[in-house]
Amino acid sequence: MLRGLDASACQDLLPYASLEADMRFVILKAQQGNDGFDPFFIRNVQGAIRRGLEPFAYCFAYPLPHLDPKAQAQLFVQRVGLAWPELAKRPLFLDYEWPMPTQWKRWGCTAKQISEWCAANAEEVERYSGRTPVIYTYPDWWANVSKADVSWASLYPLWLASYRSGWPKDGDGPKLPKPWAGWLFWQFDGNGGLRLPNGVDADFCVFNGDEAALQTFIKGPGGPVDVVEGSAAETVATRP
């Protein structure tokens, strides 16, 4: 398993120079639903590139009934493409964990509505970016969504939040929610057990594979997708 972490503006600028030498990737928050773009995204992508880490982008989704899942998907891909075109050509990550089930009635949500919304959102990200996205969730939240049909989710790799103490070892793995039969990324620390070298709390993850598997995941069927410094542009790197 390869080591990495995920971060957002909550961690400010990441202390890349002091990270452990075996860190290989960082998954960075780019978008918050239909709201703003993360203000630290571009600078943290730049830091990751300089440090030799593989960067990825994620969206914290708003699966609410009054919001169009396809429009939110397109906005995410467009914003990432404008900020850093090569990242929009890599697999994108979709964070499905909100709203809390206790708030569903307030927002007019149901398990069926959230499942259908997330399915449409993930499908549109794949169609619009040309790459299959990765789904993030955590077991308690997903168990409530799974009261509806979630069979569609088996089409997408899983990034699961399931916490434990200390870095996982080869052979370790989280308990999988349905319908997944395997996991690709595991967020194993999110409760302050591990911290960044500057003392700031962060979420730490592992990738279920070696370096060759990570590069295959990144490149996909279309060939190399290298992210280089200074390549941010004002063009959207998406499919028509």
C-alpha atoms as a PDB file:
ATOM      1  CA  MET A   1       0.000   0.000   0.000  1.00  0.00           C
ATOM      2  CA  LEU A   2       1.153   3.532  -0.798  1.00  0.00           C
ATOM      3  CA  ARG A   3       0.835   6.354   1.720  1.00  0.00           C
ATOM      4  CA  GLY A   4      -0.856   9.702   1.220  1.00  0.00           C
ATOM      5  CA  LEU A   5      -3.360  12.139   2.669  1.00  0.00           C
ATOM      6  CA  ASP A   6      -6.297  14.338   1.778  1.00  0.00           C
ATOM      7  CA  ALA A   7      -6.664  17.992   2.627  1.00  0.00           C
ATOM      8  CA  SER A   8      -8.634  21.174   2.115  1.00  0.00           C
ATOM      9  CA  ALA A   9      -8.494  24.797   3.200  1.00  0.00           C
ATOM     10  CA  CYS A  10      -8.915  23.470   6.759  1.00  0.00           C
ATOM     11  CA  GLN A  11      -5.219  22.485   6.613  1.00  0.00           C
ATOM     12  CA  ASP A  12      -4.132  25.764   4.979  1.00  0.00           C
ATOM     13  CA  LEU A  13      -0.948  25.304   2.922  1.00  0.00           C
ATOM     14  CA  LEU A  14       0.443  21.819   3.450  1.00  0.00           C
ATOM     15  CA  PRO A  15       3.986  21.526   4.890  1.00  0.00           C
ATOM     16  CA  TYR A  16       5.257  19.496   1.940  1.00  0.00           C
ATOM     17  CA  ALA A  17       8.950  19.958   2.711  1.00  0.00           C
ATOM     18  CA  SER A  18       8.607  18.180   6.046  1.00  0.00           C
ATOM     19  CA  LEU A  19       6.282  15.340   5.015  1.00  0.00           C
ATOM     20  CA  GLU A  20       7.576  11.808   5.332  1.00  0.00           C
ATOM     21  CA  ALA A  21       9.637  10.714   2.352  1.00  0.00           C
ATOM     22  CA  ASP A  22       7.345   7.783   1.503  1.00  0.00           C
ATOM     23  CA  MET A  23       4.244   9.916   0.909  1.00  0.00           C
ATOM     24  CA  ARG A  24       3.091   9.382  -2.692  1.00  0.00           C
ATOM     25  CA  PHE A  25      -0.207  11.196  -3.222  1.00  0.00           C
ATOM     26  CA  VAL A  26      -2.495  13.941  -1.970  1.00  0.00           C
ATOM     27  CA  ILE A  27      -6.238  14.263  -2.643  1.00  0.00           C
ATOM     28  CA  LEU A  28      -7.174  17.945  -2.512  1.00  0.00           C
ATOM     29  CA  LYS A  29     -10.585  19.498  -2.092  1.00  0.00           C
ATOM     30  CA  ALA A  30     -11.412  21.600  -5.133  1.00  0.00           C
ATOM     31  CA  GLN A  31     -15.133  22.338  -4.876  1.00  0.00           C
ATOM     32  CA  GLN A  32     -17.825  22.546  -2.210  1.00  0.00           C
ATOM     33  CA  GLY A  33     -21.080  21.517  -3.852  1.00  0.00           C
ATOM     34  CA  ASN A  34     -22.363  24.400  -5.964  1.00  0.00           C
ATOM     35  CA  ASP A  35     -20.490  26.897  -3.815  1.00  0.00           C
ATOM     36  CA  GLY A  36     -16.971  28.228  -4.029  1.00  0.00           C
ATOM     37  CA  PHE A  37     -13.668  26.772  -5.147  1.00  0.00           C
ATOM     38  CA  ASP A  38     -11.216  25.864  -2.374  1.00  0.00           C
ATOM     39  CA  PRO A  39      -8.850  28.873  -2.008  1.00  0.00           C
ATOM     40  CA  PHE A  40      -5.812  26.687  -1.241  1.00  0.00           C
ATOM     41  CA  PHE A  41      -6.338  24.176  -4.055  1.00  0.00           C
ATOM     42  CA  ILE A  42      -3.964  25.588  -6.673  1.00  0.00           C
ATOM     43  CA  ARG A  43      -1.164  26.362  -4.219  1.00  0.00           C
ATOM     44  CA  ASN A  44      -1.428  22.907  -2.681  1.00  0.00           C
ATOM     45  CA  VAL A  45      -1.333  21.327  -6.153  1.00  0.00           C
ATOM     46  CA  GLN A  46       1.817  23.334  -6.877  1.00  0.00           C
ATOM     47  CA  GLY A  47       3.372  22.173  -3.603  1.00  0.00           C
ATOM     48  CA  ALA A  48       2.513  18.550  -4.345  1.00  0.00           C
ATOM     49  CA  ILE A  49       4.157  18.722  -7.763  1.00  0.00           C
ATOM     50  CA  ARG A  50       7.325  20.278  -6.376  1.00  0.00           C
ATOM     51  CA  ARG A  51       7.432  17.594  -3.666  1.00  0.00           C
ATOM     52  CA  GLY A  52       6.946  14.788  -6.194  1.00  0.00           C
ATOM     53  CA  LEU A  53       3.512  13.711  -4.942  1.00  0.00           C
ATOM     54  CA  GLU A  54       0.677  12.708  -7.261  1.00  0.00           C
ATOM     55  CA  PRO A  55      -2.204  15.226  -6.872  1.00  0.00           C
ATOM     56  CA  PHE A  56      -5.915  14.507  -7.272  1.00  0.00           C
ATOM     57  CA  ALA A  57      -9.018  16.695  -6.923  1.00  0.00           C
ATOM     58  CA  TYR A  58     -12.259  16.027  -5.034  1.00  0.00           C
ATOM     59  CA  CYS A  59     -15.662  17.640  -4.700  1.00  0.00           C
ATOM     60  CA  PHE A  60     -17.630  17.693  -1.453  1.00  0.00           C
ATOM     61  CA  ALA A  61     -21.044  17.042  -3.004  1.00  0.00           C
ATOM     62  CA  TYR A  62     -24.378  18.613  -2.089  1.00  0.00           C
ATOM     63  CA  PRO A  63     -26.870  15.836  -3.007  1.00  0.00           C
ATOM     64  CA  LEU A  64     -29.959  17.962  -2.379  1.00  0.00           C
ATOM     65  CA  PRO A  65     -33.228  17.523  -4.294  1.00  0.00           C
ATOM     66  CA  HIS A  66     -33.349  21.129  -5.525  1.00  0.00           C
ATOM     67  CA  LEU A  67     -29.824  20.956  -7.009  1.00  0.00           C
ATOM     68  CA  ASP A  68     -29.145  19.459 -10.427  1.00  0.00           C
ATOM     69  CA  PRO A  69     -26.618  16.596 -10.052  1.00  0.00           C
ATOM     70  CA  LYS A  70     -25.435  16.955 -13.650  1.00  0.00           C
ATOM     71  CA  ALA A  71     -24.906  20.714 -13.362  1.00  0.00           C
ATOM     72  CA  GLN A  72     -22.920  20.219 -10.161  1.00  0.00           C
ATOM     73  CA  ALA A  73     -20.809  17.559 -11.873  1.00  0.00           C
ATOM     74  CA  GLN A  74     -20.059  19.797 -14.850  1.00  0.00           C
ATOM     75  CA  LEU A  75     -19.194  22.724 -12.580  1.00  0.00           C
ATOM     76  CA  PHE A  76     -16.688  20.553 -10.722  1.00  0.00           C
ATOM     77  CA  VAL A  77     -14.971  19.293 -13.871  1.00  0.00           C
ATOM     78  CA  GLN A  78     -14.932  22.789 -15.397  1.00  0.00           C
ATOM     79  CA  ARG A  79     -13.432  24.418 -12.306  1.00  0.00           C
ATOM     80  CA  VAL A  80     -10.707  21.797 -11.967  1.00  0.00           C
ATOM     81  CA  GLY A  81      -9.967  22.091 -15.676  1.00  0.00           C
ATOM     82  CA  LEU A  82      -9.651  25.863 -15.456  1.00  0.00           C
ATOM     83  CA  ALA A  83      -7.412  25.666 -12.399  1.00  0.00           C
ATOM     84  CA  TRP A  84      -5.157  22.842 -13.615  1.00  0.00           C
ATOM     85  CA  PRO A  85      -6.121  21.165 -16.916  1.00  0.00           C
ATOM     86  CA  GLU A  86      -4.209  17.912 -16.390  1.00  0.00           C
ATOM     87  CA  LEU A  87      -6.062  17.183 -13.154  1.00  0.00           C
ATOM     88  CA  ALA A  88      -9.385  17.162 -15.000  1.00  0.00           C
ATOM     89  CA  LYS A  89      -7.964  14.386 -17.176  1.00  0.00           C
ATOM     90  CA  ARG A  90      -7.123  12.227 -14.162  1.00  0.00           C
ATOM     91  CA  PRO A  91      -9.785  10.334 -12.189  1.00  0.00           C
ATOM     92  CA  LEU A  92     -11.759  12.793 -10.071  1.00  0.00           C
ATOM     93  CA  PHE A  93     -13.029  12.054  -6.571  1.00  0.00           C
ATOM     94  CA  LEU A  94     -16.610  12.539  -5.333  1.00  0.00           C
ATOM     95  CA  ASP A  95     -17.183  12.971  -1.603  1.00  0.00           C
ATOM     96  CA  TYR A  96     -20.640  11.636  -0.674  1.00  0.00           C
ATOM     97  CA  GLU A  97     -21.196  12.053   3.059  1.00  0.00           C
ATOM     98  CA  TRP A  98     -23.642  14.940   3.565  1.00  0.00           C
ATOM     99  CA  PRO A  99     -26.215  15.822   4.787  1.00  0.00           C
ATOM    100  CA  MET A 100     -26.325  13.797   7.972  1.00  0.00           C
ATOM    101  CA  PRO A 101     -29.318  11.419   8.028  1.00  0.00           C
ATOM    102  CA  THR A 102     -30.748  13.321  11.007  1.00  0.00           C
ATOM    103  CA  GLN A 103     -30.978  16.362   8.696  1.00  0.00           C
ATOM    104  CA  TRP A 104     -32.534  14.638   5.708  1.00  0.00           C
ATOM    105  CA  LYS A 105     -36.076  15.700   6.561  1.00  0.00           C
ATOM    106  CA  ARG A 106     -34.948  19.326   6.836  1.00  0.00           C
ATOM    107  CA  TRP A 107     -33.459  19.221   3.340  1.00  0.00           C
ATOM    108  CA  GLY A 108     -36.215  17.122   1.802  1.00  0.00           C
ATOM    109  CA  CYS A 109     -33.882  14.165   1.274  1.00  0.00           C
ATOM    110  CA  THR A 110     -34.596  10.438   1.315  1.00  0.00           C
ATOM    111  CA  ALA A 111     -32.366   7.416   0.789  1.00  0.00           C
ATOM    112  CA  LYS A 112     -33.842   6.898  -2.690  1.00  0.00           C
ATOM    113  CA  GLN A 113     -33.405  10.543  -3.650  1.00  0.00           C
ATOM    114  CA  ILE A 114     -29.771  10.683  -2.453  1.00  0.00           C
ATOM    115  CA  SER A 115     -28.895   7.407  -4.160  1.00  0.00           C
ATOM    116  CA  GLU A 116     -30.406   8.526  -7.450  1.00  0.00           C
ATOM    117  CA  TRP A 117     -28.784  11.970  -7.170  1.00  0.00           C
ATOM    118  CA  CYS A 118     -25.329  10.503  -6.511  1.00  0.00           C
ATOM    119  CA  ALA A 119     -25.732   8.011  -9.353  1.00  0.00           C
ATOM    120  CA  ALA A 120     -26.581  10.810 -11.797  1.00  0.00           C
ATOM    121  CA  ASN A 121     -23.745  12.978 -10.475  1.00  0.00           C
ATOM    122  CA  ALA A 122     -21.103  10.244 -10.786  1.00  0.00           C
ATOM    123  CA  GLU A 123     -22.340   9.266 -14.254  1.00  0.00           C
ATOM    124  CA  GLU A 124     -22.100  12.862 -15.455  1.00  0.00           C
ATOM    125  CA  VAL A 125     -18.601  13.357 -14.054  1.00  0.00           C
ATOM    126  CA  GLU A 126     -17.544  10.262 -15.985  1.00  0.00           C
ATOM    127  CA  ARG A 127     -19.270  11.392 -19.175  1.00  0.00           C
ATOM    128  CA  TYR A 128     -18.028  14.967 -18.973  1.00  0.00           C
ATOM    129  CA  SER A 129     -14.424  14.258 -17.919  1.00  0.00           C
ATOM    130  CA  GLY A 130     -13.955  11.001 -19.796  1.00  0.00           C
ATOM    131  CA  ARG A 131     -12.605   9.235 -16.684  1.00  0.00           C
ATOM    132  CA  THR A 132     -14.346   7.032 -14.119  1.00  0.00           C
ATOM    133  CA  PRO A 133     -14.517   8.924 -10.802  1.00  0.00           C
ATOM    134  CA  VAL A 134     -13.781   7.504  -7.358  1.00  0.00           C
ATOM    135  CA  ILE A 135     -16.520   7.577  -4.715  1.00  0.00           C
ATOM    136  CA  TYR A 136     -15.730   8.559  -1.136  1.00  0.00           C
ATOM    137  CA  THR A 137     -18.092   7.746   1.708  1.00  0.00           C
ATOM    138  CA  TYR A 138     -18.169   6.429   5.244  1.00  0.00           C
ATOM    139  CA  PRO A 139     -20.043   3.338   6.443  1.00  0.00           C
ATOM    140  CA  ASP A 140     -22.682   4.863   8.761  1.00  0.00           C
ATOM    141  CA  TRP A 141     -23.836   7.441   6.210  1.00  0.00           C
ATOM    142  CA  TRP A 142     -23.773   4.958   3.349  1.00  0.00           C
ATOM    143  CA  ALA A 143     -25.723   2.405   5.383  1.00  0.00           C
ATOM    144  CA  ASN A 144     -28.621   4.860   5.469  1.00  0.00           C
ATOM    145  CA  VAL A 145     -28.384   5.525   1.726  1.00  0.00           C
ATOM    146  CA  SER A 146     -28.220   1.767   1.155  1.00  0.00           C
ATOM    147  CA  LYS A 147     -31.792   1.415   2.352  1.00  0.00           C
ATOM    148  CA  ALA A 148     -32.442   2.283  -1.292  1.00  0.00           C
ATOM    149  CA  ASP A 149     -30.927   0.613  -4.352  1.00  0.00           C
ATOM    150  CA  VAL A 150     -27.205   1.452  -4.520  1.00  0.00           C
ATOM    151  CA  SER A 151     -26.181  -1.264  -6.987  1.00  0.00           C
ATOM    152  CA  TRP A 152     -25.013   1.456  -9.422  1.00  0.00           C
ATOM    153  CA  ALA A 153     -22.103   2.294  -7.066  1.00  0.00           C
ATOM    154  CA  SER A 154     -20.314  -0.966  -7.898  1.00  0.00           C
ATOM    155  CA  LEU A 155     -19.320   0.681 -11.199  1.00  0.00           C
ATOM    156  CA  TYR A 156     -17.017   3.074  -9.353  1.00  0.00           C
ATOM    157  CA  PRO A 157     -13.830   2.566  -7.300  1.00  0.00           C
ATOM    158  CA  LEU A 158     -14.221   3.100  -3.569  1.00  0.00           C
ATOM    159  CA  TRP A 159     -12.421   5.538  -1.278  1.00  0.00           C
ATOM    160  CA  LEU A 160     -13.666   4.524   2.155  1.00  0.00           C
ATOM    161  CA  ALA A 161     -13.434   6.287   5.510  1.00  0.00           C
ATOM    162  CA  SER A 162     -12.898   3.645   8.194  1.00  0.00           C
ATOM    163  CA  TYR A 163     -10.738   4.674  11.116  1.00  0.00           C
ATOM    164  CA  ARG A 164      -8.139   2.734  13.060  1.00  0.00           C
ATOM    165  CA  SER A 165      -4.963   3.439  15.027  1.00  0.00           C
ATOM    166  CA  GLY A 166      -1.709   3.730  13.093  1.00  0.00           C
ATOM    167  CA  TRP A 167      -0.745   3.154   9.485  1.00  0.00           C
ATOM    168  CA  PRO A 168      -2.202  -0.023   7.923  1.00  0.00           C
ATOM    169  CA  LYS A 169       0.070  -2.878   6.995  1.00  0.00           C
ATOM    170  CA  ASP A 170      -0.056  -5.048   3.889  1.00  0.00           C
ATOM    171  CA  GLY A 171      -3.078  -7.324   4.168  1.00  0.00           C
ATOM    172  CA  ASP A 172      -5.093  -4.904   6.293  1.00  0.00           C
ATOM    173  CA  GLY A 173      -8.358  -3.565   4.970  1.00  0.00           C
ATOM    174  CA  PRO A 174     -11.636  -1.941   6.012  1.00  0.00           C
ATOM    175  CA  LYS A 175     -15.000  -3.671   6.220  1.00  0.00           C
ATOM    176  CA  LEU A 176     -16.678  -2.974   2.907  1.00  0.00           C
ATOM    177  CA  PRO A 177     -20.178  -1.526   2.561  1.00  0.00           C
ATOM    178  CA  LYS A 178     -22.449  -2.849  -0.165  1.00  0.00           C
ATOM    179  CA  PRO A 179     -22.253  -3.071  -3.123  1.00  0.00           C
ATOM    180  CA  TRP A 180     -18.427  -2.908  -3.274  1.00  0.00           C
ATOM    181  CA  ALA A 181     -16.271  -6.017  -3.383  1.00  0.00           C
ATOM    182  CA  GLY A 182     -12.998  -4.118  -2.972  1.00  0.00           C
ATOM    183  CA  TRP A 183     -11.476  -0.743  -2.141  1.00  0.00           C
ATOM    184  CA  LEU A 184      -8.966   1.506  -3.910  1.00  0.00           C
ATOM    185  CA  PHE A 185      -8.267   4.224  -1.334  1.00  0.00           C
ATOM    186  CA  TRP A 186      -8.740   3.954   2.435  1.00  0.00           C
ATOM    187  CA  GLN A 187      -8.975   7.008   4.680  1.00  0.00           C
ATOM    188  CA  PHE A 188      -7.931   5.229   7.852  1.00  0.00           C
ATOM    189  CA  ASP A 189      -7.249   8.265  10.054  1.00  0.00           C
ATOM    190  CA  GLY A 190      -9.572  11.198  10.452  1.00  0.00           C
ATOM    191  CA  ASN A 191      -9.896  11.643  14.198  1.00  0.00           C
ATOM    192  CA  GLY A 192      -6.645  13.360  15.160  1.00  0.00           C
ATOM    193  CA  GLY A 193      -4.648  10.200  15.754  1.00  0.00           C
ATOM    194  CA  LEU A 194      -2.090  11.352  13.171  1.00  0.00           C
ATOM    195  CA  ARG A 195      -1.084  14.928  12.419  1.00  0.00           C
ATOM    196  CA  LEU A 196       0.955  16.847   9.897  1.00  0.00           C
ATOM    197  CA  PRO A 197       4.530  17.757  10.868  1.00  0.00           C
ATOM    198  CA  ASN A 198       3.317  21.275  11.759  1.00  0.00           C
ATOM    199  CA  GLY A 199       0.837  19.804  14.262  1.00  0.00           C
ATOM    200  CA  VAL A 200      -2.277  20.432  12.153  1.00  0.00           C
ATOM    201  CA  ASP A 201      -4.817  17.612  12.037  1.00  0.00           C
ATOM    202  CA  ALA A 202      -5.349  15.961   8.645  1.00  0.00           C
ATOM    203  CA  ASP A 203      -6.865  12.848   7.106  1.00  0.00           C
ATOM    204  CA  PHE A 204      -4.363  10.157   6.134  1.00  0.00           C
ATOM    205  CA  CYS A 205      -4.977   7.541   3.454  1.00  0.00           C
ATOM    206  CA  VAL A 206      -3.461   4.551   1.708  1.00  0.00           C
ATOM    207  CA  PHE A 207      -3.752   3.383  -1.884  1.00  0.00           C
ATOM    208  CA  ASN A 208      -4.487  -0.321  -2.374  1.00  0.00           C
ATOM    209  CA  GLY A 209      -1.602  -1.164  -4.683  1.00  0.00           C
ATOM    210  CA  ASP A 210       2.025  -0.503  -5.571  1.00  0.00           C
ATOM    211  CA  GLU A 211       3.582   2.288  -7.627  1.00  0.00           C
ATOM    212  CA  ALA A 212       2.837   0.552 -10.916  1.00  0.00           C
ATOM    213  CA  ALA A 213      -0.830   0.211  -9.938  1.00  0.00           C
ATOM    214  CA  LEU A 214      -1.005   3.897  -8.984  1.00  0.00           C
ATOM    215  CA  GLN A 215       0.429   4.943 -12.334  1.00  0.00           C
ATOM    216  CA  THR A 216      -2.006   2.670 -14.182  1.00  0.00           C
ATOM    217  CA  PHE A 217      -4.871   4.241 -12.233  1.00  0.00           C
ATOM    218  CA  ILE A 218      -3.645   7.729 -13.153  1.00  0.00           C
ATOM    219  CA  LYS A 219      -2.975   7.106 -16.842  1.00  0.00           C
ATOM    220  CA  GLY A 220      -5.984   4.972 -17.659  1.00  0.00           C
ATOM    221  CA  PRO A 221      -6.818   4.043 -21.245  1.00  0.00           C
ATOM    222  CA  GLY A 222      -5.803   7.410 -22.672  1.00  0.00           C
ATOM    223  CA  GLY A 223      -2.111   7.229 -21.815  1.00  0.00           C
ATOM    224  CA  PRO A 224       0.078   9.465 -19.620  1.00  0.00           C
ATOM    225  CA  VAL A 225      -1.488  12.316 -17.671  1.00  0.00           C
ATOM    226  CA  ASP A 226       1.484  14.110 -16.158  1.00  0.00           C
ATOM    227  CA  VAL A 227       0.834  17.132 -13.972  1.00  0.00           C
ATOM    228  CA  VAL A 228       3.598  19.684 -14.365  1.00  0.00           C
ATOM    229  CA  GLU A 229       4.241  22.961 -12.591  1.00  0.00           C
ATOM    230  CA  GLY A 230       3.250  26.105 -14.435  1.00  0.00           C
ATOM    231  CA  SER A 231       0.575  24.424 -16.528  1.00  0.00           C
ATOM    232  CA  ALA A 232      -2.504  26.100 -15.061  1.00  0.00           C
ATOM    233  CA  ALA A 233      -4.458  27.621 -17.940  1.00  0.00           C
ATOM    234  CA  GLU A 234      -7.658  29.414 -18.842  1.00  0.00           C
ATOM    235  CA  THR A 235      -8.983  26.537 -20.905  1.00  0.00           C
ATOM    236  CA  VAL A 236     -11.323  23.816 -19.762  1.00  0.00           C
ATOM    237  CA  ALA A 237      -9.830  20.361 -20.210  1.00  0.00           C
ATOM    238  CA  THR A 238     -13.045  18.398 -20.613  1.00  0.00           C
ATOM    239  CA  ARG A 239     -14.795  16.351 -23.204  1.00  0.00           C
ATOM    240  CA  PRO A 240     -17.223  18.245 -25.480  1.00  0.00           C
END
